[in-house]
PDB file of N, CA and C in Angstrom:
ATOM      1  N   MET A   1      71.832 -64.234  32.531  1.00  0.00           N
ATOM      2  CA  MET A   1      72.949 -65.217  32.407  1.00  0.00           C
ATOM      3  C   MET A   1      74.389 -64.615  32.029  1.00  0.00           C
ATOM      4  N   THR A   2      75.201 -64.680  33.217  1.00  0.00           N
ATOM      5  CA  THR A   2      76.426 -64.057  32.888  1.00  0.00           C
ATOM      6  C   THR A   2      77.880 -64.794  32.280  1.00  0.00           C
ATOM      7  N   THR A   3      78.744 -64.269  32.274  1.00  0.00           N
ATOM      8  CA  THR A   3      79.937 -64.727  32.118  1.00  0.00           C
ATOM      9  C   THR A   3      81.139 -64.159  32.405  1.00  0.00           C
ATOM     10  N   ALA A   4      81.958 -64.872  32.417  1.00  0.00           N
ATOM     11  CA  ALA A   4      82.702 -64.718  32.715  1.00  0.00           C
ATOM     12  C   ALA A   4      84.238 -63.707  32.337  1.00  0.00           C
ATOM     13  N   PRO A   5      84.868 -63.291  33.606  1.00  0.00           N
ATOM     14  CA  PRO A   5      85.665 -61.629  32.240  1.00  0.00           C
ATOM     15  C   PRO A   5      87.318 -62.393  31.813  1.00  0.00           C
ATOM     16  N   ARG A   6      86.906 -61.888  30.385  1.00  0.00           N
ATOM     17  CA  ARG A   6      88.121 -62.596  30.684  1.00  0.00           C
ATOM     18  C   ARG A   6      89.366 -61.950  30.656  1.00  0.00           C
ATOM     19  N   ARG A   7      90.165 -63.130  30.579  1.00  0.00           N
ATOM     20  CA  ARG A   7      91.573 -62.878  30.961  1.00  0.00           C
ATOM     21  C   ARG A   7      91.924 -61.955  30.153  1.00  0.00           C
ATOM     22  N   PRO A   8      93.078 -60.702  29.951  1.00  0.00           N
ATOM     23  CA  PRO A   8      93.794 -59.918  29.088  1.00  0.00           C
ATOM     24  C   PRO A   8      94.843 -60.422  28.811  1.00  0.00           C
ATOM     25  N   ILE A   9      95.199 -60.422  26.873  1.00  0.00           N
ATOM     26  CA  ILE A   9      96.179 -62.130  27.217  1.00  0.00           C
ATOM     27  C   ILE A   9      97.378 -60.244  27.060  1.00  0.00           C
ATOM     28  N   SER A  10      98.550 -61.237  27.889  1.00  0.00           N
ATOM     29  CA  SER A  10      99.977 -60.508  27.473  1.00  0.00           C
ATOM     30  C   SER A  10     100.306 -59.956  27.113  1.00  0.00           C
ATOM     31  N   PHE A  11     101.231 -58.728  26.675  1.00  0.00           N
ATOM     32  CA  PHE A  11     101.551 -58.272  25.698  1.00  0.00           C
ATOM     33  C   PHE A  11     102.715 -58.785  25.230  1.00  0.00           C
ATOM     34  N   ILE A  12     103.553 -60.191  25.959  1.00  0.00           N
ATOM     35  CA  ILE A  12     104.506 -60.748  25.014  1.00  0.00           C
ATOM     36  C   ILE A  12     103.422 -62.046  24.791  1.00  0.00           C
ATOM     37  N   GLY A  13     102.910 -62.402  25.934  1.00  0.00           N
ATOM     38  CA  GLY A  13     101.795 -63.492  23.920  1.00  0.00           C
ATOM     39  C   GLY A  13     101.312 -62.795  22.704  1.00  0.00           C
ATOM     40  N   GLN A  14     100.445 -61.760  23.549  1.00  0.00           N
ATOM     41  CA  GLN A  14     100.387 -61.300  22.234  1.00  0.00           C
ATOM     42  C   GLN A  14     101.537 -60.723  21.202  1.00  0.00           C
ATOM     43  N   PHE A  15     102.611 -60.412  21.867  1.00  0.00           N
ATOM     44  CA  PHE A  15     103.395 -60.487  20.276  1.00  0.00           C
ATOM     45  C   PHE A  15     103.955 -61.776  19.555  1.00  0.00           C
ATOM     46  N   PHE A  16     104.152 -62.994  20.821  1.00  0.00           N
ATOM     47  CA  PHE A  16     104.858 -64.216  20.165  1.00  0.00           C
ATOM     48  C   PHE A  16     103.750 -64.860  18.733  1.00  0.00           C
ATOM     49  N   ARG A  17     102.734 -64.482  19.105  1.00  0.00           N
ATOM     50  CA  ARG A  17     101.502 -64.813  18.722  1.00  0.00           C
ATOM     51  C   ARG A  17     101.757 -63.914  17.165  1.00  0.00           C
ATOM     52  N   VAL A  18     101.752 -63.127  17.115  1.00  0.00           N
ATOM     53  CA  VAL A  18     101.953 -62.588  15.794  1.00  0.00           C
ATOM     54  C   VAL A  18     103.307 -62.502  15.094  1.00  0.00           C
ATOM     55  N   ILE A  19     104.155 -62.609  16.035  1.00  0.00           N
ATOM     56  CA  ILE A  19     105.773 -62.905  14.994  1.00  0.00           C
ATOM     57  C   ILE A  19     105.437 -65.181  14.331  1.00  0.00           C
ATOM     58  N   ALA A  20     104.708 -65.437  14.770  1.00  0.00           N
ATOM     59  CA  ALA A  20     104.404 -66.770  14.951  1.00  0.00           C
ATOM     60  C   ALA A  20     103.412 -66.992  13.562  1.00  0.00           C
ATOM     61  N   ALA A  21     102.527 -66.159  13.673  1.00  0.00           N
ATOM     62  CA  ALA A  21     100.989 -65.937  12.198  1.00  0.00           C
ATOM     63  C   ALA A  21     102.370 -65.583  12.157  1.00  0.00           C
ATOM     64  N   THR A  22     103.251 -64.278  11.746  1.00  0.00           N
ATOM     65  CA  THR A  22     104.448 -63.763  10.452  1.00  0.00           C
ATOM     66  C   THR A  22     104.697 -65.018   9.766  1.00  0.00           C
ATOM     67  N   LEU A  23     105.623 -65.765  10.652  1.00  0.00           N
ATOM     68  CA  LEU A  23     106.720 -66.545  10.117  1.00  0.00           C
ATOM     69  C   LEU A  23     106.078 -67.491  10.104  1.00  0.00           C
ATOM     70  N   LEU A  24     105.008 -67.812   9.807  1.00  0.00           N
ATOM     71  CA  LEU A  24     104.354 -69.909   9.667  1.00  0.00           C
ATOM     72  C   LEU A  24     104.376 -69.680   8.687  1.00  0.00           C
ATOM     73  N   PRO A  25     103.794 -69.051   7.641  1.00  0.00           N
ATOM     74  CA  PRO A  25     103.269 -69.075   6.160  1.00  0.00           C
ATOM     75  C   PRO A  25     104.803 -68.391   5.197  1.00  0.00           C
ATOM     76  N   LEU A  26     105.562 -68.143   6.181  1.00  0.00           N
ATOM     77  CA  LEU A  26     106.689 -67.491   5.518  1.00  0.00           C
ATOM     78  C   LEU A  26     107.185 -68.851   5.758  1.00  0.00           C
ATOM     79  N   VAL A  27     107.967 -70.079   6.482  1.00  0.00           N
ATOM     80  CA  VAL A  27     108.281 -71.101   6.554  1.00  0.00           C
ATOM     81  C   VAL A  27     108.307 -72.425   5.728  1.00  0.00           C
ATOM     82  N   LEU A  28     106.432 -72.120   5.452  1.00  0.00           N
ATOM     83  CA  LEU A  28     105.935 -72.796   5.051  1.00  0.00           C
ATOM     84  C   LEU A  28     105.880 -73.142   3.349  1.00  0.00           C
ATOM     85  N   LEU A  29     106.678 -71.907   2.585  1.00  0.00           N
ATOM     86  CA  LEU A  29     106.467 -71.985   1.943  1.00  0.00           C
ATOM     87  C   LEU A  29     107.807 -71.803   1.139  1.00  0.00           C
ATOM     88  N   THR A  30     108.440 -71.243   1.853  1.00  0.00           N
ATOM     89  CA  THR A  30     110.337 -71.646   1.757  1.00  0.00           C
ATOM     90  C   THR A  30     110.542 -72.867   1.214  1.00  0.00           C
ATOM     91  N   PHE A  31     110.149 -73.888   2.619  1.00  0.00           N
ATOM     92  CA  PHE A  31     109.653 -75.064   2.353  1.00  0.00           C
ATOM     93  C   PHE A  31     109.267 -75.690   1.197  1.00  0.00           C
ATOM     94  N   VAL A  32     108.678 -75.014   0.723  1.00  0.00           N
ATOM     95  CA  VAL A  32     107.867 -75.714  -0.946  1.00  0.00           C
ATOM     96  C   VAL A  32     108.027 -75.294  -2.043  1.00  0.00           C
ATOM     97  N   TRP A  33     108.844 -73.522  -2.013  1.00  0.00           N
ATOM     98  CA  TRP A  33     109.353 -73.322  -2.934  1.00  0.00           C
ATOM     99  C   TRP A  33     110.720 -73.134  -3.309  1.00  0.00           C
ATOM    100  N   LEU A  34     111.604 -73.129  -2.095  1.00  0.00           N
ATOM    101  CA  LEU A  34     113.201 -73.875  -2.645  1.00  0.00           C
ATOM    102  C   LEU A  34     113.442 -75.450  -3.129  1.00  0.00           C
ATOM    103  N   PRO A  35     113.048 -76.305  -3.334  1.00  0.00           N
ATOM    104  CA  PRO A  35     112.963 -77.603  -3.376  1.00  0.00           C
ATOM    105  C   PRO A  35     112.748 -77.632  -4.700  1.00  0.00           C
ATOM    106  N   MET A  36     111.581 -76.964  -5.286  1.00  0.00           N
ATOM    107  CA  MET A  36     110.885 -76.854  -6.521  1.00  0.00           C
ATOM    108  C   MET A  36     111.879 -75.713  -7.129  1.00  0.00           C
ATOM    109  N   THR A  37     112.037 -75.001  -6.963  1.00  0.00           N
ATOM    110  CA  THR A  37     113.473 -74.403  -8.004  1.00  0.00           C
ATOM    111  C   THR A  37     114.871 -74.842  -8.089  1.00  0.00           C
ATOM    112  N   LEU A  38     115.212 -75.741  -6.713  1.00  0.00           N
ATOM    113  CA  LEU A  38     116.413 -76.605  -6.873  1.00  0.00           C
ATOM    114  C   LEU A  38     116.814 -77.256  -7.593  1.00  0.00           C
ATOM    115  N   GLY A  39     115.729 -78.429  -8.153  1.00  0.00           N
ATOM    116  CA  GLY A  39     115.216 -79.209  -8.188  1.00  0.00           C
ATOM    117  C   GLY A  39     114.566 -80.812  -7.818  1.00  0.00           C
ATOM    118  N   GLY A  40     114.851 -80.599  -6.337  1.00  0.00           N
ATOM    119  CA  GLY A  40     114.682 -81.453  -5.789  1.00  0.00           C
ATOM    120  C   GLY A  40     115.636 -81.111  -3.975  1.00  0.00           C
ATOM    121  N   HIS A  41     115.465 -81.860  -2.836  1.00  0.00           N
ATOM    122  CA  HIS A  41     116.169 -81.139  -1.933  1.00  0.00           C
ATOM    123  C   HIS A  41     117.546 -80.883  -1.666  1.00  0.00           C
ATOM    124  N   PRO A  42     118.245 -79.772  -0.782  1.00  0.00           N
ATOM    125  CA  PRO A  42     119.071 -79.851  -0.960  1.00  0.00           C
ATOM    126  C   PRO A  42     120.062 -81.176  -0.300  1.00  0.00           C
ATOM    127  N   GLY A  43     121.271 -81.565  -0.499  1.00  0.00           N
ATOM    128  CA  GLY A  43     121.452 -82.936  -0.597  1.00  0.00           C
ATOM    129  C   GLY A  43     121.397 -83.857  -1.472  1.00  0.00           C
ATOM    130  N   GLU A  44     119.862 -83.945  -2.266  1.00  0.00           N
ATOM    131  CA  GLU A  44     119.768 -85.154  -2.845  1.00  0.00           C
ATOM    132  C   GLU A  44     120.228 -84.886  -4.218  1.00  0.00           C
ATOM    133  N   ALA A  45     120.835 -85.929  -4.944  1.00  0.00           N
ATOM    134  CA  ALA A  45     121.441 -86.451  -5.974  1.00  0.00           C
ATOM    135  C   ALA A  45     120.989 -85.655  -6.864  1.00  0.00           C
ATOM    136  N   ARG A  46     120.842 -85.227  -8.192  1.00  0.00           N
ATOM    137  CA  ARG A  46     120.381 -84.056  -9.129  1.00  0.00           C
ATOM    138  C   ARG A  46     120.633 -85.228  -9.815  1.00  0.00           C
ATOM    139  N   SER A  47     118.848 -85.388 -10.632  1.00  0.00           N
ATOM    140  CA  SER A  47     118.714 -85.989 -11.827  1.00  0.00           C
ATOM    141  C   SER A  47     119.320 -85.539 -12.891  1.00  0.00           C
ATOM    142  N   SER A  48     119.893 -85.997 -14.465  1.00  0.00           N
ATOM    143  CA  SER A  48     120.241 -85.279 -15.366  1.00  0.00           C
ATOM    144  C   SER A  48     119.001 -84.124 -15.686  1.00  0.00           C
ATOM    145  N   SER A  49     117.817 -84.587 -16.069  1.00  0.00           N
ATOM    146  CA  SER A  49     116.585 -83.850 -16.675  1.00  0.00           C
ATOM    147  C   SER A  49     116.706 -82.476 -16.056  1.00  0.00           C
ATOM    148  N   THR A  50     116.752 -82.096 -14.525  1.00  0.00           N
ATOM    149  CA  THR A  50     116.718 -81.082 -14.385  1.00  0.00           C
ATOM    150  C   THR A  50     117.900 -80.393 -14.099  1.00  0.00           C
ATOM    151  N   SER A  51     119.218 -81.315 -14.525  1.00  0.00           N
ATOM    152  CA  SER A  51     120.481 -80.166 -14.772  1.00  0.00           C
ATOM    153  C   SER A  51     120.801 -79.219 -15.596  1.00  0.00           C
ATOM    154  N   ASP A  52     120.111 -79.629 -16.728  1.00  0.00           N
ATOM    155  CA  ASP A  52     119.850 -78.591 -17.698  1.00  0.00           C
ATOM    156  C   ASP A  52     119.622 -77.250 -17.790  1.00  0.00           C
ATOM    157  N   MET A  53     120.605 -76.219 -18.237  1.00  0.00           N
ATOM    158  CA  MET A  53     120.278 -74.857 -17.857  1.00  0.00           C
ATOM    159  C   MET A  53     118.987 -74.139 -18.515  1.00  0.00           C
ATOM    160  N   ARG A  54     118.279 -73.509 -17.395  1.00  0.00           N
ATOM    161  CA  ARG A  54     117.585 -72.987 -18.766  1.00  0.00           C
ATOM    162  C   ARG A  54     117.169 -71.872 -18.027  1.00  0.00           C
ATOM    163  N   HIS A  55     117.152 -70.668 -18.807  1.00  0.00           N
ATOM    164  CA  HIS A  55     117.032 -69.362 -18.322  1.00  0.00           C
ATOM    165  C   HIS A  55     115.854 -68.359 -18.607  1.00  0.00           C
ATOM    166  N   MET A  56     115.034 -67.550 -18.283  1.00  0.00           N
ATOM    167  CA  MET A  56     113.881 -67.506 -18.054  1.00  0.00           C
ATOM    168  C   MET A  56     113.758 -66.271 -19.334  1.00  0.00           C
ATOM    169  N   SER A  57     114.760 -64.994 -19.650  1.00  0.00           N
ATOM    170  CA  SER A  57     114.518 -64.102 -20.005  1.00  0.00           C
ATOM    171  C   SER A  57     115.005 -64.929 -21.417  1.00  0.00           C
TER     172      SER A  57
END
C-alpha cells in the first residue's frame, strides 16, 4: 500500500497558521474578560450595582 506524497506547507501558510493559533485564544479571552471587568459590554448602560467603587487591596 503506497501513500501519495504530502505537499509541503509553504512558509507563508505556516506563518499565518501560527499567528492565527496565537491570536485566537487572546482575542477570545479579551472579549470574555473585558465585559466582566467593566460590568457590561462597552456602550451599554451601567446598572447601579456595578457602578459602586470597589478596590481590591
